[in-house]
Amino acid sequence: MGFNERIEKSNKTLELFINYCKKNNISYAFSGYEKLKQSKEFREKIKKLDSITAKRIRYFPDLIIANKKAWLIEIKNSKYIEKDAYLTYIDLMRIGYNVAIIDICENQLLFISIDKLELDKILDNIRIPHNKIWAYPRKLPENEYNKWIKTHNGSGTDFGVINFLESDPKILINNIKKDLKES
């Protein structure tokens, strides 16, 4: 899936989720890095910083939703998750935040709480250096890395593969809907 296709899928998923929130009287606000009003200068500086704080700002979830319980929501557009994004969500969960990702499959919204998210093992035949869970494209030799970036339309950051079947989104969708409506 190319970059434009990922953006299109993300926008479709976001639109479906916003409509779901409106239909169910769930309040929402945009919160992610891409949605923050910021100067070009700020965006360039925060992208170049390698601190934990800068990374957590860049990977903060896309939405905050609230009914009687609040959730931080990340809208996904592929089965891949950047390692820094995942670590941000885990850190938020560890200090008490409710964090979930939302993806779309056959026009159905899939809700997966971060604590239920399963990652696939990366197969040994992948040409990218990896440790079975995380792939490290930037560890490729420079010419292979540049070729990989062009053919995969990715950012080149460390990533893992979400296992939607093991995460069992069909069970979680009911739990999260219940939490959103009743808590």
C-alpha atoms as a PDB file:
ATOM      1  CA  MET A   1       0.000   0.000   0.000  1.00  0.00           C
ATOM      2  CA  GLY A   2       1.480   3.332  -1.090  1.00  0.00           C
ATOM      3  CA  PHE A   3       1.588   6.526   0.961  1.00  0.00           C
ATOM      4  CA  ASN A   4      -1.473   8.086  -0.726  1.00  0.00           C
ATOM      5  CA  GLU A   5      -3.462   4.875  -0.254  1.00  0.00           C
ATOM      6  CA  ARG A   6      -2.528   4.810   3.452  1.00  0.00           C
ATOM      7  CA  ILE A   7      -3.659   8.430   3.856  1.00  0.00           C
ATOM      8  CA  GLU A   8      -6.927   7.632   2.060  1.00  0.00           C
ATOM      9  CA  LYS A   9      -7.554   4.581   4.265  1.00  0.00           C
ATOM     10  CA  SER A  10      -6.711   6.549   7.404  1.00  0.00           C
ATOM     11  CA  ASN A  11      -9.131   9.317   6.406  1.00  0.00           C
ATOM     12  CA  LYS A  12     -11.877   6.761   5.699  1.00  0.00           C
ATOM     13  CA  THR A  13     -11.294   5.064   9.059  1.00  0.00           C
ATOM     14  CA  LEU A  14     -11.314   8.418  10.836  1.00  0.00           C
ATOM     15  CA  GLU A  15     -14.547   9.450   9.092  1.00  0.00           C
ATOM     16  CA  LEU A  16     -16.265   6.170  10.023  1.00  0.00           C
ATOM     17  CA  PHE A  17     -15.130   6.497  13.637  1.00  0.00           C
ATOM     18  CA  ILE A  18     -16.229  10.149  13.907  1.00  0.00           C
ATOM     19  CA  ASN A  19     -19.639   9.161  12.520  1.00  0.00           C
ATOM     20  CA  TYR A  20     -19.778   6.334  15.077  1.00  0.00           C
ATOM     21  CA  CYS A  21     -18.997   8.809  17.869  1.00  0.00           C
ATOM     22  CA  LYS A  22     -21.647  11.260  16.675  1.00  0.00           C
ATOM     23  CA  LYS A  23     -24.268   8.506  16.346  1.00  0.00           C
ATOM     24  CA  ASN A  24     -23.531   7.283  19.890  1.00  0.00           C
ATOM     25  CA  ASN A  25     -23.166  10.729  21.529  1.00  0.00           C
ATOM     26  CA  ILE A  26     -19.490  10.203  22.275  1.00  0.00           C
ATOM     27  CA  SER A  27     -17.493  13.428  22.498  1.00  0.00           C
ATOM     28  CA  TYR A  28     -14.149  13.596  20.725  1.00  0.00           C
ATOM     29  CA  ALA A  29     -11.240  15.954  20.173  1.00  0.00           C
ATOM     30  CA  PHE A  30      -8.234  15.730  17.902  1.00  0.00           C
ATOM     31  CA  SER A  31      -4.984  15.331  19.798  1.00  0.00           C
ATOM     32  CA  GLY A  32      -2.269  13.835  17.608  1.00  0.00           C
ATOM     33  CA  TYR A  33       0.860  15.523  16.363  1.00  0.00           C
ATOM     34  CA  GLU A  34      -0.530  15.877  12.833  1.00  0.00           C
ATOM     35  CA  LYS A  35      -3.624  17.700  14.124  1.00  0.00           C
ATOM     36  CA  LEU A  36      -1.877  20.129  16.485  1.00  0.00           C
ATOM     37  CA  LYS A  37      -1.690  23.699  15.282  1.00  0.00           C
ATOM     38  CA  GLN A  38       2.010  24.318  15.017  1.00  0.00           C
ATOM     39  CA  SER A  39       4.505  26.383  13.109  1.00  0.00           C
ATOM     40  CA  LYS A  40       6.636  24.812  10.413  1.00  0.00           C
ATOM     41  CA  GLU A  41       9.661  25.696  12.544  1.00  0.00           C
ATOM     42  CA  PHE A  42       8.279  23.744  15.525  1.00  0.00           C
ATOM     43  CA  ARG A  43       7.438  20.729  13.345  1.00  0.00           C
ATOM     44  CA  GLU A  44      10.955  20.624  11.904  1.00  0.00           C
ATOM     45  CA  LYS A  45      12.599  20.957  15.333  1.00  0.00           C
ATOM     46  CA  ILE A  46      10.457  18.300  17.017  1.00  0.00           C
ATOM     47  CA  LYS A  47      11.086  15.873  14.118  1.00  0.00           C
ATOM     48  CA  LYS A  48      14.845  16.194  14.561  1.00  0.00           C
ATOM     49  CA  LEU A  49      14.908  15.814  18.337  1.00  0.00           C
ATOM     50  CA  ASP A  50      15.703  12.309  19.556  1.00  0.00           C
ATOM     51  CA  SER A  51      14.499  12.683  23.144  1.00  0.00           C
ATOM     52  CA  ILE A  52      11.786  10.575  24.766  1.00  0.00           C
ATOM     53  CA  THR A  53       9.640  13.706  25.172  1.00  0.00           C
ATOM     54  CA  ALA A  54       9.914  14.615  21.476  1.00  0.00           C
ATOM     55  CA  LYS A  55       9.089  11.048  20.446  1.00  0.00           C
ATOM     56  CA  ARG A  56       6.075  10.930  22.751  1.00  0.00           C
ATOM     57  CA  ILE A  57       4.814  14.203  21.238  1.00  0.00           C
ATOM     58  CA  ARG A  58       5.271  12.877  17.689  1.00  0.00           C
ATOM     59  CA  TYR A  59       3.532   9.582  18.451  1.00  0.00           C
ATOM     60  CA  PHE A  60       0.731  10.794  20.710  1.00  0.00           C
ATOM     61  CA  PRO A  61      -2.613   9.167  19.702  1.00  0.00           C
ATOM     62  CA  ASP A  62      -4.835  10.915  17.139  1.00  0.00           C
ATOM     63  CA  LEU A  63      -8.002  11.409  19.185  1.00  0.00           C
ATOM     64  CA  ILE A  64      -9.339  11.709  22.682  1.00  0.00           C
ATOM     65  CA  ILE A  65     -12.860  10.420  23.164  1.00  0.00           C
ATOM     66  CA  ALA A  66     -15.002  10.786  26.241  1.00  0.00           C
ATOM     67  CA  ASN A  67     -18.339   9.661  27.503  1.00  0.00           C
ATOM     68  CA  LYS A  68     -18.241   8.511  31.099  1.00  0.00           C
ATOM     69  CA  LYS A  69     -14.748   7.147  30.450  1.00  0.00           C
ATOM     70  CA  ALA A  70     -11.984   8.700  28.347  1.00  0.00           C
ATOM     71  CA  TRP A  71      -9.871   6.896  25.757  1.00  0.00           C
ATOM     72  CA  LEU A  72      -6.877   7.880  23.655  1.00  0.00           C
ATOM     73  CA  ILE A  73      -7.417   6.536  20.149  1.00  0.00           C
ATOM     74  CA  GLU A  74      -4.877   5.901  17.407  1.00  0.00           C
ATOM     75  CA  ILE A  75      -6.271   5.565  13.889  1.00  0.00           C
ATOM     76  CA  LYS A  76      -4.350   2.885  11.966  1.00  0.00           C
ATOM     77  CA  ASN A  77      -4.026   2.607   8.220  1.00  0.00           C
ATOM     78  CA  SER A  78      -2.021  -0.594   7.935  1.00  0.00           C
ATOM     79  CA  LYS A  79      -1.037  -3.721   9.818  1.00  0.00           C
ATOM     80  CA  TYR A  80       2.306  -2.162  10.716  1.00  0.00           C
ATOM     81  CA  ILE A  81       3.003  -0.215  13.904  1.00  0.00           C
ATOM     82  CA  GLU A  82       6.063   1.908  14.480  1.00  0.00           C
ATOM     83  CA  LYS A  83       8.049   0.816  17.504  1.00  0.00           C
ATOM     84  CA  ASP A  84       8.162   4.338  18.995  1.00  0.00           C
ATOM     85  CA  ALA A  85       4.382   4.666  18.586  1.00  0.00           C
ATOM     86  CA  TYR A  86       3.818   1.316  20.305  1.00  0.00           C
ATOM     87  CA  LEU A  87       6.152   2.253  23.168  1.00  0.00           C
ATOM     88  CA  THR A  88       4.321   5.577  23.579  1.00  0.00           C
ATOM     89  CA  TYR A  89       0.964   3.790  23.840  1.00  0.00           C
ATOM     90  CA  ILE A  90       2.351   1.226  26.305  1.00  0.00           C
ATOM     91  CA  ASP A  91       3.841   4.005  28.467  1.00  0.00           C
ATOM     92  CA  LEU A  92       0.500   5.841  28.482  1.00  0.00           C
ATOM     93  CA  MET A  93      -1.316   2.623  29.413  1.00  0.00           C
ATOM     94  CA  ARG A  94       1.151   1.899  32.234  1.00  0.00           C
ATOM     95  CA  ILE A  95       0.397   5.235  33.894  1.00  0.00           C
ATOM     96  CA  GLY A  96      -3.333   4.630  33.717  1.00  0.00           C
ATOM     97  CA  TYR A  97      -4.555   5.883  30.338  1.00  0.00           C
ATOM     98  CA  ASN A  98      -7.040   3.883  28.266  1.00  0.00           C
ATOM     99  CA  VAL A  99      -5.406   3.534  24.845  1.00  0.00           C
ATOM    100  CA  ALA A 100      -6.783   1.756  21.795  1.00  0.00           C
ATOM    101  CA  ILE A 101      -6.118   1.552  18.101  1.00  0.00           C
ATOM    102  CA  ILE A 102      -8.839   1.587  15.510  1.00  0.00           C
ATOM    103  CA  ASP A 103      -8.521   0.089  12.069  1.00  0.00           C
ATOM    104  CA  ILE A 104     -10.987  -0.797   9.379  1.00  0.00           C
ATOM    105  CA  CYS A 105     -11.600  -4.162   7.757  1.00  0.00           C
ATOM    106  CA  GLU A 106     -14.354  -4.619   5.179  1.00  0.00           C
ATOM    107  CA  ASN A 107     -16.003  -1.353   6.336  1.00  0.00           C
ATOM    108  CA  GLN A 108     -16.136  -2.583   9.946  1.00  0.00           C
ATOM    109  CA  LEU A 109     -14.311  -0.652  12.634  1.00  0.00           C
ATOM    110  CA  LEU A 110     -11.942  -2.785  14.684  1.00  0.00           C
ATOM    111  CA  PHE A 111     -11.208  -1.595  18.220  1.00  0.00           C
ATOM    112  CA  ILE A 112      -8.185  -3.062  19.948  1.00  0.00           C
ATOM    113  CA  SER A 113      -7.059  -1.990  23.393  1.00  0.00           C
ATOM    114  CA  ILE A 114      -3.272  -1.621  23.445  1.00  0.00           C
ATOM    115  CA  ASP A 115      -2.959  -4.117  26.305  1.00  0.00           C
ATOM    116  CA  LYS A 116      -4.606  -6.743  24.061  1.00  0.00           C
ATOM    117  CA  LEU A 117      -2.528  -5.990  20.972  1.00  0.00           C
ATOM    118  CA  GLU A 118      -0.475  -8.915  19.683  1.00  0.00           C
ATOM    119  CA  LEU A 119       2.477  -8.562  17.329  1.00  0.00           C
ATOM    120  CA  ASP A 120       3.410 -11.191  14.760  1.00  0.00           C
ATOM    121  CA  LYS A 121       6.855 -12.712  14.737  1.00  0.00           C
ATOM    122  CA  ILE A 122       8.887 -11.420  11.817  1.00  0.00           C
ATOM    123  CA  LEU A 123       9.933 -14.256   9.559  1.00  0.00           C
ATOM    124  CA  ASP A 124      13.611 -15.033   9.068  1.00  0.00           C
ATOM    125  CA  ASN A 125      13.328 -14.648   5.293  1.00  0.00           C
ATOM    126  CA  ILE A 126      12.685 -10.903   5.605  1.00  0.00           C
ATOM    127  CA  ARG A 127      15.690  -8.983   4.275  1.00  0.00           C
ATOM    128  CA  ILE A 128      15.517  -6.310   6.965  1.00  0.00           C
ATOM    129  CA  PRO A 129      17.545  -6.714  10.181  1.00  0.00           C
ATOM    130  CA  HIS A 130      15.154  -7.722  12.972  1.00  0.00           C
ATOM    131  CA  ASN A 131      14.841  -9.340  16.387  1.00  0.00           C
ATOM    132  CA  LYS A 132      11.742 -11.459  15.596  1.00  0.00           C
ATOM    133  CA  ILE A 133       9.331  -8.709  16.780  1.00  0.00           C
ATOM    134  CA  TRP A 134      10.788  -5.420  15.514  1.00  0.00           C
ATOM    135  CA  ALA A 135      12.253  -4.789  12.057  1.00  0.00           C
ATOM    136  CA  TYR A 136      15.032  -2.209  11.723  1.00  0.00           C
ATOM    137  CA  PRO A 137      15.134  -0.867   8.130  1.00  0.00           C
ATOM    138  CA  ARG A 138      17.707   1.818   8.998  1.00  0.00           C
ATOM    139  CA  LYS A 139      20.224  -0.914   9.817  1.00  0.00           C
ATOM    140  CA  LEU A 140      20.300  -1.941   6.154  1.00  0.00           C
ATOM    141  CA  PRO A 141      23.325  -0.819   4.118  1.00  0.00           C
ATOM    142  CA  GLU A 142      22.579   2.681   2.787  1.00  0.00           C
ATOM    143  CA  ASN A 143      21.913   1.626  -0.831  1.00  0.00           C
ATOM    144  CA  GLU A 144      19.538  -1.169   0.274  1.00  0.00           C
ATOM    145  CA  TYR A 145      17.812   1.168   2.748  1.00  0.00           C
ATOM    146  CA  ASN A 146      17.203   3.799   0.047  1.00  0.00           C
ATOM    147  CA  LYS A 147      15.851   1.104  -2.280  1.00  0.00           C
ATOM    148  CA  TRP A 148      13.616  -0.268   0.507  1.00  0.00           C
ATOM    149  CA  ILE A 149      12.233   3.221   1.279  1.00  0.00           C
ATOM    150  CA  LYS A 150      11.348   3.801  -2.401  1.00  0.00           C
ATOM    151  CA  THR A 151       9.640   0.430  -2.863  1.00  0.00           C
ATOM    152  CA  HIS A 152       7.763   0.362   0.467  1.00  0.00           C
ATOM    153  CA  ASN A 153       6.729   4.020   0.747  1.00  0.00           C
ATOM    154  CA  GLY A 154       7.507   3.881   4.453  1.00  0.00           C
ATOM    155  CA  SER A 155       9.248   6.198   6.844  1.00  0.00           C
ATOM    156  CA  GLY A 156      12.064   3.752   7.504  1.00  0.00           C
ATOM    157  CA  THR A 157      11.454   3.716  11.248  1.00  0.00           C
ATOM    158  CA  ASP A 158      11.579   0.517  13.309  1.00  0.00           C
ATOM    159  CA  PHE A 159       8.282  -1.352  13.043  1.00  0.00           C
ATOM    160  CA  GLY A 160       6.327  -4.442  14.031  1.00  0.00           C
ATOM    161  CA  VAL A 161       3.416  -6.282  12.438  1.00  0.00           C
ATOM    162  CA  ILE A 162       0.048  -6.278  14.207  1.00  0.00           C
ATOM    163  CA  ASN A 163      -1.619  -9.675  14.418  1.00  0.00           C
ATOM    164  CA  PHE A 164      -5.287  -8.715  14.227  1.00  0.00           C
ATOM    165  CA  LEU A 165      -6.451 -12.335  14.522  1.00  0.00           C
ATOM    166  CA  GLU A 166      -4.609 -12.956  17.803  1.00  0.00           C
ATOM    167  CA  SER A 167      -5.691  -9.547  19.134  1.00  0.00           C
ATOM    168  CA  ASP A 168      -9.298 -10.737  18.636  1.00  0.00           C
ATOM    169  CA  PRO A 169     -10.917  -7.415  17.730  1.00  0.00           C
ATOM    170  CA  LYS A 170     -14.409  -8.918  17.424  1.00  0.00           C
ATOM    171  CA  ILE A 171     -14.537  -9.597  21.174  1.00  0.00           C
ATOM    172  CA  LEU A 172     -12.910  -6.288  22.045  1.00  0.00           C
ATOM    173  CA  ILE A 173     -15.263  -4.228  19.911  1.00  0.00           C
ATOM    174  CA  ASN A 174     -18.151  -5.114  22.240  1.00  0.00           C
ATOM    175  CA  ASN A 175     -16.103  -4.451  25.380  1.00  0.00           C
ATOM    176  CA  ILE A 176     -14.942  -1.057  24.184  1.00  0.00           C
ATOM    177  CA  LYS A 177     -18.396  -0.071  22.915  1.00  0.00           C
ATOM    178  CA  LYS A 178     -19.759  -0.979  26.356  1.00  0.00           C
ATOM    179  CA  ASP A 179     -17.010   1.056  28.078  1.00  0.00           C
ATOM    180  CA  LEU A 180     -17.659   4.039  25.853  1.00  0.00           C
ATOM    181  CA  LYS A 181     -21.417   4.017  26.391  1.00  0.00           C
ATOM    182  CA  GLU A 182     -21.822   2.939  30.012  1.00  0.00           C
ATOM    183  CA  SER A 183     -18.776   3.901  32.065  1.00  0.00           C
END
